[in-house]
Amino acid sequence: MLIQGSVLSYLYARTRFARQSVSDAVQFAWLAGGFLVSYIALAEAAKYRVPQIGSWIAVEAIAGFAQFTIYGILLGLIHRKLAGTGSAT
């Protein structure tokens, strides 16, 4: 997860989303999260024996949504703070 967070933070700093806005960071996190969570929610349900596929997908999607929402908020706050100090590029 630390590697994923580092890679996503690097990518965020180089996208149009890096506008020092928390809402832009959350949008980026949801976009990246949609890509990453699709594997967990859909592909793993197909690869492994799960008792209820619908429940698996729902739980993983909700957990991913919460995880990447929190990640987006933190990402936006960190980059906004770094931009204020002149350290972010």
N, C-alpha and C. Protein backbone atom coordinates (compact mmCIF):
# COMPACT_ATOMS: atom_id res chain seq x y z
N MET A 1 0.82 -1.19 0.00
CA MET A 1 0.00 0.00 0.00
C MET A 1 0.87 1.26 0.00
N LEU A 2 2.00 1.19 0.66
CA LEU A 2 2.90 2.34 0.66
C LEU A 2 3.45 2.61 -0.74
N ILE A 3 3.75 1.55 -1.46
CA ILE A 3 4.24 1.71 -2.83
C ILE A 3 3.14 2.32 -3.70
N GLN A 4 1.92 1.79 -3.59
CA GLN A 4 0.80 2.34 -4.37
C GLN A 4 0.58 3.81 -4.03
N GLY A 5 0.58 4.14 -2.74
CA GLY A 5 0.38 5.52 -2.33
C GLY A 5 1.47 6.44 -2.86
N SER A 6 2.70 5.96 -2.84
CA SER A 6 3.82 6.76 -3.35
C SER A 6 3.70 6.99 -4.86
N VAL A 7 3.37 5.93 -5.59
CA VAL A 7 3.22 6.05 -7.04
C VAL A 7 2.06 6.98 -7.38
N LEU A 8 0.94 6.82 -6.68
CA LEU A 8 -0.22 7.68 -6.96
C LEU A 8 0.06 9.14 -6.60
N SER A 9 0.78 9.36 -5.52
CA SER A 9 1.14 10.73 -5.15
C SER A 9 2.03 11.36 -6.21
N TYR A 10 2.99 10.60 -6.71
CA TYR A 10 3.86 11.07 -7.78
C TYR A 10 3.04 11.42 -9.03
N LEU A 11 2.14 10.53 -9.40
CA LEU A 11 1.30 10.79 -10.58
C LEU A 11 0.41 12.00 -10.37
N TYR A 12 -0.16 12.12 -9.18
CA TYR A 12 -1.05 13.24 -8.88
C TYR A 12 -0.34 14.58 -9.08
N ALA A 13 0.89 14.66 -8.61
CA ALA A 13 1.66 15.91 -8.70
C ALA A 13 1.92 16.30 -10.15
N ARG A 14 1.78 15.36 -11.07
CA ARG A 14 2.07 15.63 -12.48
C ARG A 14 0.83 15.62 -13.37
N THR A 15 -0.35 15.72 -12.76
CA THR A 15 -1.59 15.75 -13.52
C THR A 15 -2.27 17.10 -13.40
N ARG A 16 -3.30 17.27 -14.17
CA ARG A 16 -4.08 18.51 -14.10
C ARG A 16 -4.85 18.61 -12.79
N PHE A 17 -4.97 17.50 -12.04
CA PHE A 17 -5.71 17.50 -10.79
C PHE A 17 -4.96 18.26 -9.68
N ALA A 18 -3.66 18.40 -9.82
CA ALA A 18 -2.84 19.02 -8.77
C ALA A 18 -3.01 20.53 -8.80
N ARG A 19 -4.17 21.00 -8.37
CA ARG A 19 -4.47 22.44 -8.37
C ARG A 19 -4.58 22.99 -6.96
N GLN A 20 -3.99 22.33 -6.01
CA GLN A 20 -4.03 22.76 -4.62
C GLN A 20 -5.44 22.72 -4.05
N SER A 21 -6.29 21.87 -4.58
CA SER A 21 -7.66 21.74 -4.12
C SER A 21 -7.90 20.32 -3.63
N VAL A 22 -8.50 20.21 -2.48
CA VAL A 22 -8.79 18.89 -1.92
C VAL A 22 -9.80 18.16 -2.81
N SER A 23 -10.77 18.88 -3.35
CA SER A 23 -11.76 18.22 -4.21
C SER A 23 -11.13 17.67 -5.49
N ASP A 24 -10.15 18.35 -6.04
CA ASP A 24 -9.43 17.81 -7.21
C ASP A 24 -8.65 16.56 -6.83
N ALA A 25 -8.06 16.56 -5.64
CA ALA A 25 -7.31 15.39 -5.18
C ALA A 25 -8.25 14.20 -4.96
N VAL A 26 -9.44 14.46 -4.44
CA VAL A 26 -10.42 13.38 -4.24
C VAL A 26 -10.87 12.84 -5.59
N GLN A 27 -11.08 13.70 -6.57
CA GLN A 27 -11.45 13.24 -7.92
C GLN A 27 -10.35 12.34 -8.49
N PHE A 28 -9.11 12.74 -8.35
CA PHE A 28 -7.99 11.92 -8.82
C PHE A 28 -7.97 10.58 -8.08
N ALA A 29 -8.15 10.62 -6.76
CA ALA A 29 -8.13 9.39 -5.96
C ALA A 29 -9.26 8.45 -6.38
N TRP A 30 -10.45 8.98 -6.67
CA TRP A 30 -11.56 8.14 -7.12
C TRP A 30 -11.25 7.52 -8.48
N LEU A 31 -10.62 8.28 -9.34
CA LEU A 31 -10.26 7.75 -10.66
C LEU A 31 -9.24 6.62 -10.52
N ALA A 32 -8.19 6.86 -9.76
CA ALA A 32 -7.18 5.82 -9.53
C ALA A 32 -7.79 4.66 -8.75
N GLY A 33 -8.63 4.96 -7.79
CA GLY A 33 -9.27 3.92 -6.99
C GLY A 33 -10.19 3.05 -7.83
N GLY A 34 -10.90 3.65 -8.76
CA GLY A 34 -11.75 2.86 -9.65
C GLY A 34 -10.95 1.84 -10.43
N PHE A 35 -9.78 2.23 -10.83
CA PHE A 35 -8.88 1.32 -11.55
C PHE A 35 -8.39 0.21 -10.63
N LEU A 36 -7.90 0.57 -9.44
CA LEU A 36 -7.32 -0.42 -8.53
C LEU A 36 -8.38 -1.30 -7.87
N VAL A 37 -9.50 -0.72 -7.50
CA VAL A 37 -10.54 -1.49 -6.81
C VAL A 37 -11.25 -2.44 -7.77
N SER A 38 -11.28 -2.11 -9.05
CA SER A 38 -11.94 -3.00 -10.00
C SER A 38 -11.30 -4.38 -9.99
N TYR A 39 -10.00 -4.44 -9.78
CA TYR A 39 -9.33 -5.74 -9.69
C TYR A 39 -9.78 -6.48 -8.44
N ILE A 40 -9.76 -5.80 -7.31
CA ILE A 40 -10.11 -6.44 -6.04
C ILE A 40 -11.57 -6.87 -6.03
N ALA A 41 -12.45 -5.99 -6.47
CA ALA A 41 -13.88 -6.27 -6.38
C ALA A 41 -14.35 -7.26 -7.43
N LEU A 42 -13.81 -7.17 -8.63
CA LEU A 42 -14.33 -8.00 -9.72
C LEU A 42 -13.45 -9.21 -10.03
N ALA A 43 -12.18 -8.99 -10.26
CA ALA A 43 -11.31 -10.08 -10.69
C ALA A 43 -11.09 -11.11 -9.58
N GLU A 44 -10.91 -10.67 -8.36
CA GLU A 44 -10.69 -11.62 -7.29
C GLU A 44 -11.93 -12.44 -7.00
N ALA A 45 -13.10 -11.85 -7.18
CA ALA A 45 -14.34 -12.62 -6.99
C ALA A 45 -14.44 -13.73 -8.03
N ALA A 46 -13.87 -13.49 -9.20
CA ALA A 46 -13.89 -14.51 -10.26
C ALA A 46 -12.80 -15.56 -10.06
N LYS A 47 -11.70 -15.18 -9.41
CA LYS A 47 -10.57 -16.10 -9.23
C LYS A 47 -10.74 -17.03 -8.04
N TYR A 48 -11.39 -16.56 -6.98
CA TYR A 48 -11.48 -17.33 -5.75
C TYR A 48 -12.92 -17.75 -5.48
N ARG A 49 -13.06 -18.75 -4.67
CA ARG A 49 -14.39 -19.23 -4.30
C ARG A 49 -14.93 -18.31 -3.19
N VAL A 50 -15.90 -17.49 -3.54
CA VAL A 50 -16.53 -16.60 -2.56
C VAL A 50 -17.99 -17.03 -2.42
N PRO A 51 -18.52 -17.00 -1.19
CA PRO A 51 -19.88 -17.49 -0.98
C PRO A 51 -20.96 -16.67 -1.69
N GLN A 52 -20.83 -15.37 -1.65
CA GLN A 52 -21.82 -14.47 -2.27
C GLN A 52 -21.07 -13.45 -3.12
N ILE A 53 -21.10 -13.62 -4.42
CA ILE A 53 -20.35 -12.72 -5.30
C ILE A 53 -20.86 -11.29 -5.19
N GLY A 54 -22.17 -11.13 -5.16
CA GLY A 54 -22.74 -9.77 -5.04
C GLY A 54 -22.31 -9.07 -3.77
N SER A 55 -22.32 -9.81 -2.66
CA SER A 55 -21.89 -9.23 -1.38
C SER A 55 -20.41 -8.88 -1.41
N TRP A 56 -19.60 -9.77 -1.99
CA TRP A 56 -18.16 -9.52 -2.11
C TRP A 56 -17.92 -8.21 -2.86
N ILE A 57 -18.56 -8.08 -4.01
CA ILE A 57 -18.37 -6.88 -4.83
C ILE A 57 -18.82 -5.64 -4.08
N ALA A 58 -19.97 -5.72 -3.41
CA ALA A 58 -20.48 -4.56 -2.68
C ALA A 58 -19.54 -4.16 -1.55
N VAL A 59 -19.09 -5.11 -0.76
CA VAL A 59 -18.20 -4.80 0.37
C VAL A 59 -16.88 -4.23 -0.12
N GLU A 60 -16.28 -4.85 -1.13
CA GLU A 60 -15.01 -4.35 -1.65
C GLU A 60 -15.16 -2.97 -2.30
N ALA A 61 -16.25 -2.74 -2.98
CA ALA A 61 -16.48 -1.43 -3.61
C ALA A 61 -16.67 -0.35 -2.54
N ILE A 62 -17.43 -0.65 -1.50
CA ILE A 62 -17.64 0.33 -0.43
C ILE A 62 -16.33 0.60 0.31
N ALA A 63 -15.59 -0.47 0.61
CA ALA A 63 -14.30 -0.29 1.30
C ALA A 63 -13.33 0.51 0.43
N GLY A 64 -13.29 0.23 -0.87
CA GLY A 64 -12.42 0.97 -1.78
C GLY A 64 -12.82 2.43 -1.89
N PHE A 65 -14.13 2.67 -1.94
CA PHE A 65 -14.62 4.05 -2.01
C PHE A 65 -14.18 4.82 -0.76
N ALA A 66 -14.36 4.21 0.41
CA ALA A 66 -13.94 4.86 1.66
C ALA A 66 -12.43 5.08 1.68
N GLN A 67 -11.68 4.05 1.31
CA GLN A 67 -10.22 4.14 1.33
C GLN A 67 -9.72 5.25 0.41
N PHE A 68 -10.22 5.31 -0.80
CA PHE A 68 -9.71 6.30 -1.75
C PHE A 68 -10.28 7.69 -1.50
N THR A 69 -11.41 7.79 -0.84
CA THR A 69 -11.90 9.11 -0.43
C THR A 69 -10.97 9.68 0.64
N ILE A 70 -10.64 8.87 1.63
CA ILE A 70 -9.72 9.32 2.68
C ILE A 70 -8.35 9.63 2.08
N TYR A 71 -7.87 8.76 1.19
CA TYR A 71 -6.59 9.00 0.53
C TYR A 71 -6.61 10.32 -0.24
N GLY A 72 -7.69 10.59 -0.96
CA GLY A 72 -7.79 11.83 -1.73
C GLY A 72 -7.77 13.06 -0.84
N ILE A 73 -8.48 13.00 0.28
CA ILE A 73 -8.49 14.13 1.21
C ILE A 73 -7.09 14.37 1.74
N LEU A 74 -6.42 13.32 2.19
CA LEU A 74 -5.05 13.46 2.71
C LEU A 74 -4.09 13.94 1.63
N LEU A 75 -4.22 13.40 0.43
CA LEU A 75 -3.36 13.80 -0.68
C LEU A 75 -3.53 15.29 -0.98
N GLY A 76 -4.76 15.75 -1.02
CA GLY A 76 -5.02 17.17 -1.28
C GLY A 76 -4.47 18.06 -0.19
N LEU A 77 -4.65 17.65 1.06
CA LEU A 77 -4.13 18.46 2.17
C LEU A 77 -2.60 18.51 2.16
N ILE A 78 -1.97 17.38 1.90
CA ILE A 78 -0.50 17.34 1.88
C ILE A 78 0.04 18.19 0.74
N HIS A 79 -0.52 18.03 -0.46
CA HIS A 79 0.00 18.79 -1.60
C HIS A 79 -0.32 20.27 -1.49
N ARG A 80 -1.45 20.61 -0.89
CA ARG A 80 -1.78 22.02 -0.69
C ARG A 80 -0.79 22.64 0.29
N LYS A 81 -0.46 21.91 1.35
CA LYS A 81 0.50 22.41 2.32
C LYS A 81 1.88 22.53 1.71
N LEU A 82 2.31 21.53 0.93
CA LEU A 82 3.63 21.59 0.28
C LEU A 82 3.69 22.71 -0.75
N ALA A 83 2.60 22.94 -1.47
CA ALA A 83 2.59 24.02 -2.46
C ALA A 83 2.72 25.37 -1.77
N GLY A 84 2.15 25.47 -0.57
CA GLY A 84 2.26 26.72 0.18
C GLY A 84 3.66 27.01 0.66
N THR A 85 4.47 25.96 0.86
CA THR A 85 5.84 26.15 1.29
C THR A 85 6.81 26.22 0.14
N GLY A 86 6.31 25.95 -1.08
CA GLY A 86 7.17 25.99 -2.26
C GLY A 86 7.96 24.74 -2.47
N SER A 87 7.60 23.63 -1.78
CA SER A 87 8.36 22.39 -1.87
C SER A 87 7.84 21.43 -2.92
N ALA A 88 6.61 21.54 -3.34
CA ALA A 88 6.01 20.57 -4.28
C ALA A 88 6.29 20.96 -5.72
N THR A 89 6.67 19.99 -6.52
CA THR A 89 6.85 20.19 -7.96
C THR A 89 6.31 19.01 -8.68
